[in-house]
């Protein structure tokens, strides 16, 4: 196996930049991106409310 990061099978995608809560807390933008939608002010506000209501478990709807 090559140690060259350019030749590995794991490609950096938008999904690889999401925070699931295991390393650090989930923010509203992470929740919106996990849903596959664009970060609009309305969706970010909706995600903020979901995080307030359900806590970090809110992201588990999208990333089990």
N, C-alpha and C. Protein backbone atom coordinates (compact mmCIF):
# COMPACT_ATOMS: atom_id res chain seq x y z
N UNK A 1 0.84 -1.18 0.00
CA UNK A 1 0.00 0.00 0.00
C UNK A 1 0.88 1.24 0.00
N UNK A 2 0.49 2.22 -0.75
CA UNK A 2 1.26 3.44 -0.89
C UNK A 2 1.01 4.38 0.28
N UNK A 3 2.05 5.07 0.71
CA UNK A 3 1.91 6.07 1.76
C UNK A 3 1.60 7.44 1.19
N UNK A 4 1.52 7.52 -0.12
CA UNK A 4 1.24 8.78 -0.80
C UNK A 4 -0.25 9.10 -0.65
N UNK A 5 -0.61 10.21 0.04
CA UNK A 5 -2.03 10.54 0.24
C UNK A 5 -2.78 10.79 -1.06
N UNK A 6 -2.08 11.14 -2.13
CA UNK A 6 -2.72 11.36 -3.42
C UNK A 6 -3.20 10.06 -4.05
N UNK A 7 -2.67 8.92 -3.60
CA UNK A 7 -3.00 7.64 -4.21
C UNK A 7 -3.86 6.76 -3.32
N UNK A 8 -4.43 7.30 -2.27
CA UNK A 8 -5.27 6.50 -1.39
C UNK A 8 -6.68 6.42 -1.95
N UNK A 9 -7.45 5.44 -1.49
CA UNK A 9 -8.81 5.24 -1.98
C UNK A 9 -9.78 6.26 -1.40
N UNK A 10 -9.45 6.86 -0.26
CA UNK A 10 -10.36 7.81 0.39
C UNK A 10 -10.13 9.20 -0.17
N UNK A 11 -11.11 9.71 -0.88
CA UNK A 11 -11.01 11.04 -1.44
C UNK A 11 -11.68 12.04 -0.53
N UNK A 12 -11.12 13.22 -0.43
CA UNK A 12 -11.71 14.25 0.41
C UNK A 12 -12.94 14.82 -0.30
N UNK A 13 -14.07 14.70 0.35
CA UNK A 13 -15.32 15.23 -0.17
C UNK A 13 -15.93 16.15 0.87
N UNK A 14 -17.02 16.78 0.51
CA UNK A 14 -17.72 17.62 1.48
C UNK A 14 -18.15 16.79 2.68
N UNK A 15 -18.51 15.53 2.46
CA UNK A 15 -18.92 14.66 3.57
C UNK A 15 -17.81 14.47 4.58
N UNK A 16 -16.57 14.45 4.13
CA UNK A 16 -15.46 14.22 5.05
C UNK A 16 -15.18 15.44 5.92
N UNK A 17 -15.82 16.56 5.64
CA UNK A 17 -15.61 17.75 6.47
C UNK A 17 -16.72 17.94 7.49
N UNK A 18 -17.72 17.06 7.50
CA UNK A 18 -18.81 17.17 8.46
C UNK A 18 -18.36 16.75 9.85
N UNK A 19 -18.93 17.35 10.86
CA UNK A 19 -18.67 16.99 12.25
C UNK A 19 -19.85 16.16 12.74
N UNK A 20 -19.58 14.98 13.26
CA UNK A 20 -20.67 14.13 13.72
C UNK A 20 -20.87 14.20 15.22
N UNK A 21 -20.04 14.91 15.93
CA UNK A 21 -20.18 15.02 17.37
C UNK A 21 -19.19 14.17 18.12
N UNK A 22 -18.52 13.26 17.45
CA UNK A 22 -17.56 12.42 18.15
C UNK A 22 -16.27 13.17 18.45
N UNK A 23 -15.85 14.06 17.56
CA UNK A 23 -14.63 14.83 17.79
C UNK A 23 -14.93 16.16 18.46
N UNK A 24 -15.99 16.81 18.03
CA UNK A 24 -16.40 18.09 18.57
C UNK A 24 -17.88 18.27 18.31
N UNK A 25 -18.44 19.30 18.86
CA UNK A 25 -19.89 19.46 18.78
C UNK A 25 -20.37 19.74 17.35
N UNK A 26 -21.61 19.39 17.10
CA UNK A 26 -22.24 19.62 15.81
C UNK A 26 -22.80 21.02 15.79
N UNK A 27 -22.54 21.76 14.73
CA UNK A 27 -23.13 23.10 14.63
C UNK A 27 -24.26 23.06 13.59
N UNK A 28 -25.10 24.09 13.56
CA UNK A 28 -26.23 24.08 12.63
C UNK A 28 -25.83 23.89 11.17
N UNK A 29 -24.71 24.44 10.77
CA UNK A 29 -24.26 24.28 9.39
C UNK A 29 -23.96 22.81 9.09
N UNK A 30 -23.36 22.10 10.05
CA UNK A 30 -23.10 20.67 9.87
C UNK A 30 -24.40 19.90 9.67
N UNK A 31 -25.40 20.25 10.45
CA UNK A 31 -26.68 19.56 10.35
C UNK A 31 -27.33 19.81 8.99
N UNK A 32 -27.25 21.04 8.49
CA UNK A 32 -27.82 21.34 7.18
C UNK A 32 -27.06 20.58 6.09
N UNK A 33 -25.74 20.57 6.15
CA UNK A 33 -24.95 19.86 5.15
C UNK A 33 -25.21 18.36 5.20
N UNK A 34 -25.41 17.82 6.40
CA UNK A 34 -25.69 16.39 6.53
C UNK A 34 -27.02 16.03 5.88
N UNK A 35 -27.93 16.99 5.82
CA UNK A 35 -29.22 16.74 5.20
C UNK A 35 -29.13 16.81 3.68
N UNK A 36 -27.99 17.25 3.16
CA UNK A 36 -27.79 17.32 1.72
C UNK A 36 -28.30 18.61 1.11
N UNK A 37 -28.58 19.60 1.93
CA UNK A 37 -29.11 20.87 1.43
C UNK A 37 -28.05 21.96 1.52
N UNK A 38 -28.30 23.05 0.82
CA UNK A 38 -27.42 24.21 0.88
C UNK A 38 -27.69 24.98 2.17
N UNK A 39 -26.66 25.62 2.69
CA UNK A 39 -26.78 26.39 3.93
C UNK A 39 -27.42 27.75 3.64
N UNK A 40 -28.71 27.83 3.84
CA UNK A 40 -29.43 29.10 3.73
C UNK A 40 -29.75 29.58 5.14
N UNK A 41 -29.97 30.86 5.34
CA UNK A 41 -30.29 31.35 6.68
C UNK A 41 -31.51 30.64 7.30
N UNK A 42 -32.51 30.34 6.48
CA UNK A 42 -33.71 29.68 6.99
C UNK A 42 -33.40 28.26 7.47
N UNK A 43 -32.64 27.51 6.68
CA UNK A 43 -32.31 26.14 7.05
C UNK A 43 -31.36 26.10 8.25
N UNK A 44 -30.46 27.06 8.33
CA UNK A 44 -29.54 27.12 9.48
C UNK A 44 -30.33 27.40 10.75
N UNK A 45 -31.30 28.28 10.68
CA UNK A 45 -32.14 28.58 11.85
C UNK A 45 -32.95 27.35 12.25
N UNK A 46 -33.50 26.63 11.27
CA UNK A 46 -34.27 25.42 11.55
C UNK A 46 -33.35 24.37 12.21
N UNK A 47 -32.13 24.24 11.71
CA UNK A 47 -31.18 23.30 12.27
C UNK A 47 -30.78 23.70 13.69
N UNK A 48 -30.63 25.00 13.93
CA UNK A 48 -30.29 25.48 15.28
C UNK A 48 -31.38 25.07 16.27
N UNK A 49 -32.64 25.22 15.85
CA UNK A 49 -33.76 24.85 16.71
C UNK A 49 -33.79 23.33 16.95
N UNK A 50 -33.48 22.56 15.91
CA UNK A 50 -33.44 21.10 16.07
C UNK A 50 -32.34 20.69 17.04
N UNK A 51 -31.19 21.35 16.97
CA UNK A 51 -30.10 21.05 17.89
C UNK A 51 -30.46 21.45 19.32
N UNK A 52 -31.17 22.56 19.49
CA UNK A 52 -31.60 22.96 20.83
C UNK A 52 -32.58 21.94 21.41
N UNK A 53 -33.47 21.43 20.55
CA UNK A 53 -34.50 20.50 21.02
C UNK A 53 -33.95 19.09 21.24
N UNK A 54 -33.13 18.60 20.30
CA UNK A 54 -32.68 17.21 20.34
C UNK A 54 -31.22 17.04 20.72
N UNK A 55 -30.48 18.13 20.79
CA UNK A 55 -29.06 18.03 21.08
C UNK A 55 -28.29 17.42 19.92
N UNK A 56 -27.09 16.92 20.18
CA UNK A 56 -26.26 16.34 19.12
C UNK A 56 -26.92 15.14 18.43
N UNK A 57 -27.91 14.53 19.06
CA UNK A 57 -28.59 13.38 18.44
C UNK A 57 -29.37 13.79 17.21
N UNK A 58 -29.60 15.07 16.99
CA UNK A 58 -30.33 15.53 15.82
C UNK A 58 -29.64 15.12 14.53
N UNK A 59 -28.33 15.05 14.54
CA UNK A 59 -27.58 14.70 13.33
C UNK A 59 -27.74 13.21 13.01
N UNK A 60 -28.13 12.40 13.96
CA UNK A 60 -28.27 10.97 13.73
C UNK A 60 -29.41 10.66 12.76
N UNK A 61 -30.31 11.59 12.53
CA UNK A 61 -31.34 11.41 11.49
C UNK A 61 -30.69 11.25 10.12
N UNK A 62 -29.54 11.90 9.93
CA UNK A 62 -28.88 11.91 8.63
C UNK A 62 -27.62 11.06 8.60
N UNK A 63 -26.92 10.96 9.71
CA UNK A 63 -25.67 10.20 9.78
C UNK A 63 -25.75 9.18 10.91
N UNK A 64 -26.36 8.03 10.67
CA UNK A 64 -26.55 7.04 11.75
C UNK A 64 -25.24 6.47 12.25
